[in-house]
Structure formats: C-alpha cells, structure tokens
Amino acid sequence: MDDIARFHRILADTSRLRILWLLFNQAELCVCDITAALGMTQSKASRHLAVLRGAGLVTDRRAGAWAYYSLEPAVGTWKRAQLEQLRSALAADPMGPAGRGACLECRACGPNNEPTGNQAGSTR
C-alpha cells in the first residue's frame, strides 16, 4: 500500500510529469535537453530526475561528463500500466508540455556544443 501511495505522490508534481512526458517521446535525454525544453533550471531538473530515478521510473547512463536519462525498461507491471495511462492522459492534454511549446529542436548540449542527435524516434 505504501508503495502505491509513494508512486502517486511522485506523479503529483507537475515538473516530474513534464519530464516524464519528454521521456515518453524521446529515446534518451540529458539534463540540458530537459532544461531547454521545459524552461527549468539545471538544479531543479536534476532534483526531479533524482526523485524519478529513486522511484525506479527512469534510469541513467553516463558518457564522460554527461548523464543521459530514459524511462526504466524494467519497471514493474502495475507501474507500467499506470505509466501507460499517464502517457495517454498527457497526450490528450492540450496544455501539456507539447502544447506549451516544449521544443527539442535546438538541443546543443553535447560535447563541444554539438547536438546530441536524440531526435524523436532515434535509437541512439
């Protein structure tokens, strides 16, 4: 019961929902991609990503100085079902992150300010 309550408390934060929305639609993102798309500070994005990672909803991989985040593929069955419902609900929300103009076209945060290449549908 406590795990279910904790899961829903984590999802009750708008910033974390916006981050999840981006990760639903991108293969993988670094913190600077998220900050640029959502207009939040690096520290705020990192704090929310730490909460999502601690809950087992996102995972990260390191590449040099960069940390790349993606949805946790091994999330439990009931969490996966809840996340799929959340994904559908966010897609139907016209004022969701995409409706507010969250754009990842300008993402130039890789090494030497090169674009990361993680466009929608990318398998990188």
N, C-alpha and C. Protein backbone atom coordinates (compact mmCIF):
# COMPACT_ATOMS: atom_id res chain seq x y z
N MET A 1 0.82 -1.19 0.00
CA MET A 1 0.00 0.00 0.00
C MET A 1 0.87 1.27 0.00
N ASP A 2 1.94 1.26 0.81
CA ASP A 2 2.81 2.43 0.88
C ASP A 2 3.48 2.71 -0.46
N ASP A 3 3.85 1.65 -1.19
CA ASP A 3 4.50 1.81 -2.48
C ASP A 3 3.56 2.51 -3.48
N ILE A 4 2.30 2.16 -3.44
CA ILE A 4 1.31 2.78 -4.34
C ILE A 4 1.13 4.25 -3.99
N ALA A 5 1.03 4.56 -2.70
CA ALA A 5 0.87 5.95 -2.27
C ALA A 5 2.10 6.77 -2.66
N ARG A 6 3.29 6.21 -2.46
CA ARG A 6 4.53 6.92 -2.81
C ARG A 6 4.58 7.18 -4.31
N PHE A 7 4.23 6.19 -5.10
CA PHE A 7 4.22 6.31 -6.56
C PHE A 7 3.34 7.48 -6.99
N HIS A 8 2.15 7.57 -6.43
CA HIS A 8 1.22 8.64 -6.82
C HIS A 8 1.65 10.00 -6.28
N ARG A 9 2.30 10.04 -5.13
CA ARG A 9 2.85 11.31 -4.64
C ARG A 9 3.93 11.82 -5.60
N ILE A 10 4.75 10.92 -6.10
CA ILE A 10 5.80 11.30 -7.04
C ILE A 10 5.19 11.87 -8.32
N LEU A 11 4.12 11.26 -8.78
CA LEU A 11 3.47 11.73 -10.01
C LEU A 11 2.61 12.97 -9.80
N ALA A 12 2.41 13.38 -8.57
CA ALA A 12 1.57 14.55 -8.29
C ALA A 12 2.29 15.87 -8.55
N ASP A 13 3.55 15.82 -8.94
CA ASP A 13 4.32 17.04 -9.20
C ASP A 13 4.32 17.35 -10.69
N THR A 14 3.93 18.57 -11.05
CA THR A 14 3.83 18.97 -12.46
C THR A 14 5.17 18.88 -13.17
N SER A 15 6.24 19.28 -12.52
CA SER A 15 7.56 19.22 -13.16
C SER A 15 7.95 17.79 -13.49
N ARG A 16 7.68 16.87 -12.58
CA ARG A 16 8.00 15.47 -12.85
C ARG A 16 7.13 14.91 -13.97
N LEU A 17 5.87 15.33 -14.03
CA LEU A 17 5.00 14.90 -15.14
C LEU A 17 5.54 15.41 -16.47
N ARG A 18 6.01 16.65 -16.49
CA ARG A 18 6.55 17.22 -17.72
C ARG A 18 7.82 16.47 -18.16
N ILE A 19 8.67 16.12 -17.19
CA ILE A 19 9.87 15.35 -17.52
C ILE A 19 9.49 13.99 -18.07
N LEU A 20 8.54 13.32 -17.44
CA LEU A 20 8.09 12.02 -17.94
C LEU A 20 7.53 12.15 -19.34
N TRP A 21 6.77 13.22 -19.60
CA TRP A 21 6.21 13.43 -20.93
C TRP A 21 7.33 13.48 -21.97
N LEU A 22 8.40 14.22 -21.67
CA LEU A 22 9.52 14.29 -22.61
C LEU A 22 10.14 12.91 -22.82
N LEU A 23 10.31 12.18 -21.75
CA LEU A 23 10.93 10.86 -21.86
C LEU A 23 10.02 9.85 -22.55
N PHE A 24 8.70 10.04 -22.48
CA PHE A 24 7.79 9.19 -23.24
C PHE A 24 8.02 9.39 -24.74
N ASN A 25 8.44 10.59 -25.12
CA ASN A 25 8.52 10.95 -26.54
C ASN A 25 9.94 11.01 -27.09
N GLN A 26 10.93 10.76 -26.29
CA GLN A 26 12.32 10.77 -26.74
C GLN A 26 12.99 9.50 -26.24
N ALA A 27 13.91 9.00 -27.01
CA ALA A 27 14.61 7.78 -26.60
C ALA A 27 15.44 8.02 -25.35
N GLU A 28 16.10 9.17 -25.29
CA GLU A 28 17.03 9.45 -24.21
C GLU A 28 17.32 10.95 -24.22
N LEU A 29 17.44 11.54 -23.04
CA LEU A 29 17.72 12.97 -22.94
C LEU A 29 18.74 13.24 -21.85
N CYS A 30 19.57 14.27 -22.07
CA CYS A 30 20.45 14.71 -21.00
C CYS A 30 19.74 15.84 -20.25
N VAL A 31 20.27 16.22 -19.10
CA VAL A 31 19.63 17.25 -18.28
C VAL A 31 19.48 18.55 -19.07
N CYS A 32 20.48 18.90 -19.87
CA CYS A 32 20.38 20.17 -20.61
C CYS A 32 19.27 20.13 -21.65
N ASP A 33 18.98 18.96 -22.22
CA ASP A 33 17.83 18.83 -23.12
C ASP A 33 16.54 19.14 -22.37
N ILE A 34 16.43 18.59 -21.18
CA ILE A 34 15.22 18.76 -20.37
C ILE A 34 15.07 20.21 -19.93
N THR A 35 16.16 20.83 -19.49
CA THR A 35 16.07 22.23 -19.05
C THR A 35 15.69 23.14 -20.20
N ALA A 36 16.26 22.89 -21.38
CA ALA A 36 15.93 23.73 -22.54
C ALA A 36 14.48 23.56 -22.96
N ALA A 37 14.00 22.33 -22.96
CA ALA A 37 12.63 22.06 -23.40
C ALA A 37 11.59 22.58 -22.43
N LEU A 38 11.89 22.50 -21.14
CA LEU A 38 10.88 22.85 -20.13
C LEU A 38 11.12 24.18 -19.45
N GLY A 39 12.21 24.84 -19.77
CA GLY A 39 12.48 26.15 -19.18
C GLY A 39 12.69 26.10 -17.68
N MET A 40 13.35 25.05 -17.20
CA MET A 40 13.63 24.96 -15.77
C MET A 40 15.14 24.96 -15.56
N THR A 41 15.56 25.25 -14.36
CA THR A 41 16.99 25.27 -14.06
C THR A 41 17.56 23.86 -14.03
N GLN A 42 18.87 23.79 -14.19
CA GLN A 42 19.55 22.50 -14.14
C GLN A 42 19.38 21.84 -12.79
N SER A 43 19.46 22.63 -11.72
CA SER A 43 19.33 22.04 -10.38
C SER A 43 17.92 21.49 -10.15
N LYS A 44 16.91 22.20 -10.64
CA LYS A 44 15.53 21.72 -10.48
C LYS A 44 15.31 20.43 -11.28
N ALA A 45 15.79 20.41 -12.51
CA ALA A 45 15.64 19.20 -13.33
C ALA A 45 16.38 18.03 -12.70
N SER A 46 17.59 18.26 -12.23
CA SER A 46 18.37 17.19 -11.60
C SER A 46 17.69 16.66 -10.35
N ARG A 47 17.13 17.56 -9.57
CA ARG A 47 16.43 17.15 -8.34
C ARG A 47 15.23 16.25 -8.68
N HIS A 48 14.45 16.65 -9.67
CA HIS A 48 13.28 15.86 -10.05
C HIS A 48 13.69 14.53 -10.70
N LEU A 49 14.75 14.55 -11.49
CA LEU A 49 15.24 13.30 -12.08
C LEU A 49 15.73 12.34 -11.00
N ALA A 50 16.34 12.86 -9.95
CA ALA A 50 16.78 12.01 -8.84
C ALA A 50 15.59 11.34 -8.16
N VAL A 51 14.50 12.08 -7.99
CA VAL A 51 13.28 11.50 -7.39
C VAL A 51 12.72 10.41 -8.30
N LEU A 52 12.64 10.69 -9.60
CA LEU A 52 12.12 9.70 -10.55
C LEU A 52 13.03 8.47 -10.62
N ARG A 53 14.33 8.69 -10.57
CA ARG A 53 15.27 7.57 -10.58
C ARG A 53 15.13 6.74 -9.30
N GLY A 54 15.01 7.42 -8.17
CA GLY A 54 14.84 6.74 -6.89
C GLY A 54 13.57 5.90 -6.83
N ALA A 55 12.55 6.32 -7.57
CA ALA A 55 11.29 5.58 -7.62
C ALA A 55 11.33 4.45 -8.65
N GLY A 56 12.45 4.34 -9.37
CA GLY A 56 12.57 3.29 -10.38
C GLY A 56 11.83 3.58 -11.67
N LEU A 57 11.52 4.85 -11.93
CA LEU A 57 10.78 5.20 -13.14
C LEU A 57 11.70 5.60 -14.29
N VAL A 58 12.86 6.12 -13.98
CA VAL A 58 13.84 6.47 -15.01
C VAL A 58 15.18 5.85 -14.64
N THR A 59 16.01 5.72 -15.65
CA THR A 59 17.36 5.21 -15.46
C THR A 59 18.31 6.18 -16.14
N ASP A 60 19.57 6.11 -15.77
CA ASP A 60 20.55 6.98 -16.40
C ASP A 60 21.76 6.17 -16.83
N ARG A 61 22.47 6.71 -17.81
CA ARG A 61 23.75 6.14 -18.22
C ARG A 61 24.72 7.30 -18.35
N ARG A 62 25.96 7.04 -18.04
CA ARG A 62 27.00 8.06 -18.09
C ARG A 62 27.82 7.89 -19.35
N ALA A 63 28.15 9.03 -19.95
CA ALA A 63 29.05 9.07 -21.10
C ALA A 63 29.98 10.26 -20.87
N GLY A 64 31.11 9.99 -20.28
CA GLY A 64 32.02 11.08 -19.91
C GLY A 64 31.38 11.93 -18.83
N ALA A 65 31.31 13.22 -19.07
CA ALA A 65 30.71 14.14 -18.09
C ALA A 65 29.20 14.21 -18.21
N TRP A 66 28.64 13.55 -19.20
CA TRP A 66 27.21 13.65 -19.48
C TRP A 66 26.43 12.50 -18.87
N ALA A 67 25.24 12.81 -18.38
CA ALA A 67 24.31 11.79 -17.89
C ALA A 67 23.08 11.83 -18.78
N TYR A 68 22.71 10.70 -19.33
CA TYR A 68 21.55 10.60 -20.21
C TYR A 68 20.46 9.80 -19.51
N TYR A 69 19.24 10.30 -19.58
CA TYR A 69 18.10 9.70 -18.87
C TYR A 69 17.11 9.12 -19.86
N SER A 70 16.50 8.01 -19.45
CA SER A 70 15.44 7.38 -20.24
C SER A 70 14.48 6.69 -19.28
N LEU A 71 13.34 6.28 -19.79
CA LEU A 71 12.40 5.54 -18.96
C LEU A 71 13.02 4.19 -18.58
N GLU A 72 12.76 3.77 -17.37
CA GLU A 72 13.27 2.48 -16.88
C GLU A 72 12.52 1.35 -17.60
N PRO A 73 13.22 0.54 -18.39
CA PRO A 73 12.52 -0.53 -19.12
C PRO A 73 12.03 -1.66 -18.22
N ALA A 74 12.63 -1.82 -17.05
CA ALA A 74 12.27 -2.94 -16.17
C ALA A 74 11.30 -2.54 -15.06
N VAL A 75 10.51 -1.49 -15.30
CA VAL A 75 9.55 -1.05 -14.29
C VAL A 75 8.51 -2.15 -14.07
N GLY A 76 8.02 -2.27 -12.85
CA GLY A 76 7.06 -3.32 -12.51
C GLY A 76 5.76 -3.24 -13.30
N THR A 77 5.03 -4.33 -13.32
CA THR A 77 3.81 -4.45 -14.13
C THR A 77 2.77 -3.40 -13.79
N TRP A 78 2.44 -3.22 -12.50
CA TRP A 78 1.39 -2.26 -12.16
C TRP A 78 1.86 -0.83 -12.42
N LYS A 79 3.15 -0.56 -12.24
CA LYS A 79 3.67 0.78 -12.54
C LYS A 79 3.62 1.02 -14.05
N ARG A 80 3.97 0.00 -14.82
CA ARG A 80 3.93 0.14 -16.29
C ARG A 80 2.51 0.47 -16.75
N ALA A 81 1.51 -0.21 -16.19
CA ALA A 81 0.11 0.06 -16.55
C ALA A 81 -0.27 1.49 -16.19
N GLN A 82 0.14 1.94 -15.02
CA GLN A 82 -0.14 3.32 -14.60
C GLN A 82 0.56 4.32 -15.51
N LEU A 83 1.81 4.04 -15.89
CA LEU A 83 2.54 4.95 -16.77
C LEU A 83 1.92 5.00 -18.16
N GLU A 84 1.41 3.89 -18.64
CA GLU A 84 0.73 3.90 -19.95
C GLU A 84 -0.54 4.75 -19.90
N GLN A 85 -1.29 4.65 -18.81
CA GLN A 85 -2.47 5.51 -18.65
C GLN A 85 -2.06 6.97 -18.56
N LEU A 86 -0.98 7.23 -17.85
CA LEU A 86 -0.47 8.60 -17.73
C LEU A 86 -0.05 9.13 -19.10
N ARG A 87 0.63 8.30 -19.87
CA ARG A 87 1.06 8.70 -21.21
C ARG A 87 -0.14 9.10 -22.07
N SER A 88 -1.19 8.30 -22.03
CA SER A 88 -2.40 8.61 -22.80
C SER A 88 -3.05 9.90 -22.32
N ALA A 89 -3.11 10.08 -21.01
CA ALA A 89 -3.73 11.29 -20.46
C ALA A 89 -2.92 12.53 -20.83
N LEU A 90 -1.61 12.46 -20.77
CA LEU A 90 -0.77 13.61 -21.12
C LEU A 90 -0.87 13.93 -22.60
N ALA A 91 -0.97 12.90 -23.44
CA ALA A 91 -1.09 13.13 -24.88
C ALA A 91 -2.40 13.84 -25.21
N ALA A 92 -3.44 13.60 -24.43
CA ALA A 92 -4.74 14.20 -24.68
C ALA A 92 -4.87 15.59 -24.08
N ASP A 93 -3.90 16.01 -23.26
CA ASP A 93 -3.96 17.31 -22.58
C ASP A 93 -3.39 18.40 -23.48
N PRO A 94 -4.24 19.27 -24.03
CA PRO A 94 -3.75 20.30 -24.94
C PRO A 94 -2.82 21.30 -24.26
N MET A 95 -2.84 21.39 -22.95
CA MET A 95 -1.95 22.30 -22.24
C MET A 95 -0.75 21.55 -21.66
N GLY A 96 -0.54 20.31 -22.08
CA GLY A 96 0.61 19.54 -21.64
C GLY A 96 1.89 20.17 -22.18
N PRO A 97 3.03 19.57 -21.90
CA PRO A 97 4.30 20.15 -22.31
C PRO A 97 4.39 20.46 -23.79
N ALA A 98 3.87 19.60 -24.65
CA ALA A 98 3.93 19.88 -26.08
C ALA A 98 3.08 21.08 -26.43
N GLY A 99 1.95 21.25 -25.77
CA GLY A 99 1.08 22.39 -26.00
C GLY A 99 1.67 23.71 -25.53
N ARG A 100 2.59 23.64 -24.60
CA ARG A 100 3.24 24.85 -24.11
C ARG A 100 4.49 25.18 -24.91
N GLY A 101 4.73 24.45 -25.96
CA GLY A 101 5.86 24.76 -26.83
C GLY A 101 7.17 24.13 -26.42
N ALA A 102 7.13 23.04 -25.68
CA ALA A 102 8.38 22.36 -25.33
C ALA A 102 9.02 21.87 -26.62
N CYS A 103 10.16 22.40 -26.92
CA CYS A 103 10.82 22.13 -28.20
C CYS A 103 12.21 21.58 -27.96
N LEU A 104 12.55 20.55 -28.68
CA LEU A 104 13.89 19.97 -28.54
C LEU A 104 14.71 20.15 -29.81
N GLU A 105 14.27 21.02 -30.70
CA GLU A 105 14.98 21.19 -31.96
C GLU A 105 16.34 21.86 -31.79
N CYS A 106 16.49 22.70 -30.77
CA CYS A 106 17.71 23.49 -30.63
C CYS A 106 18.73 22.82 -29.71
N ARG A 107 18.52 21.59 -29.34
CA ARG A 107 19.34 20.92 -28.34
C ARG A 107 20.81 20.87 -28.75
N ALA A 108 21.60 21.77 -28.22
CA ALA A 108 23.03 21.81 -28.50
C ALA A 108 23.78 21.72 -27.18
N CYS A 109 23.75 20.57 -26.58
CA CYS A 109 24.38 20.46 -25.27
C CYS A 109 25.36 19.31 -25.18
N GLY A 110 25.63 18.66 -26.30
CA GLY A 110 26.61 17.59 -26.27
C GLY A 110 28.01 18.15 -26.18
N PRO A 111 29.01 17.30 -26.23
CA PRO A 111 30.39 17.78 -26.20
C PRO A 111 30.63 18.81 -27.30
N ASN A 112 31.34 19.87 -26.99
CA ASN A 112 31.63 20.96 -27.92
C ASN A 112 30.36 21.62 -28.45
N ASN A 113 29.29 21.59 -27.64
CA ASN A 113 28.01 22.18 -28.02
C ASN A 113 27.43 21.59 -29.30
N GLU A 114 27.73 20.34 -29.59
CA GLU A 114 27.15 19.65 -30.73
C GLU A 114 25.80 19.09 -30.33
N PRO A 115 24.82 19.08 -31.24
CA PRO A 115 23.52 18.46 -30.91
C PRO A 115 23.72 17.00 -30.52
N THR A 116 22.92 16.54 -29.59
CA THR A 116 23.06 15.16 -29.12
C THR A 116 22.55 14.15 -30.13
N GLY A 117 21.67 14.56 -31.05
CA GLY A 117 21.16 13.64 -32.05
C GLY A 117 20.04 12.74 -31.57
N ASN A 118 19.48 13.03 -30.41
CA ASN A 118 18.42 12.19 -29.85
C ASN A 118 17.05 12.68 -30.30
N GLN A 119 16.83 12.80 -31.58
CA GLN A 119 15.55 13.26 -32.08
C GLN A 119 14.49 12.20 -31.83
N ALA A 120 13.25 12.61 -31.89
CA ALA A 120 12.14 11.67 -31.68
C ALA A 120 12.31 10.47 -32.59
N GLY A 121 12.18 9.30 -32.00
CA GLY A 121 12.29 8.08 -32.77
C GLY A 121 13.72 7.59 -32.93
N SER A 122 14.68 8.34 -32.43
CA SER A 122 16.07 7.94 -32.54
C SER A 122 16.32 6.69 -31.71
N THR A 123 17.21 5.86 -32.18
CA THR A 123 17.55 4.66 -31.42
C THR A 123 18.87 4.82 -30.69
N ARG A 124 19.46 5.99 -30.74
CA ARG A 124 20.72 6.23 -30.04
C ARG A 124 20.53 6.20 -28.57
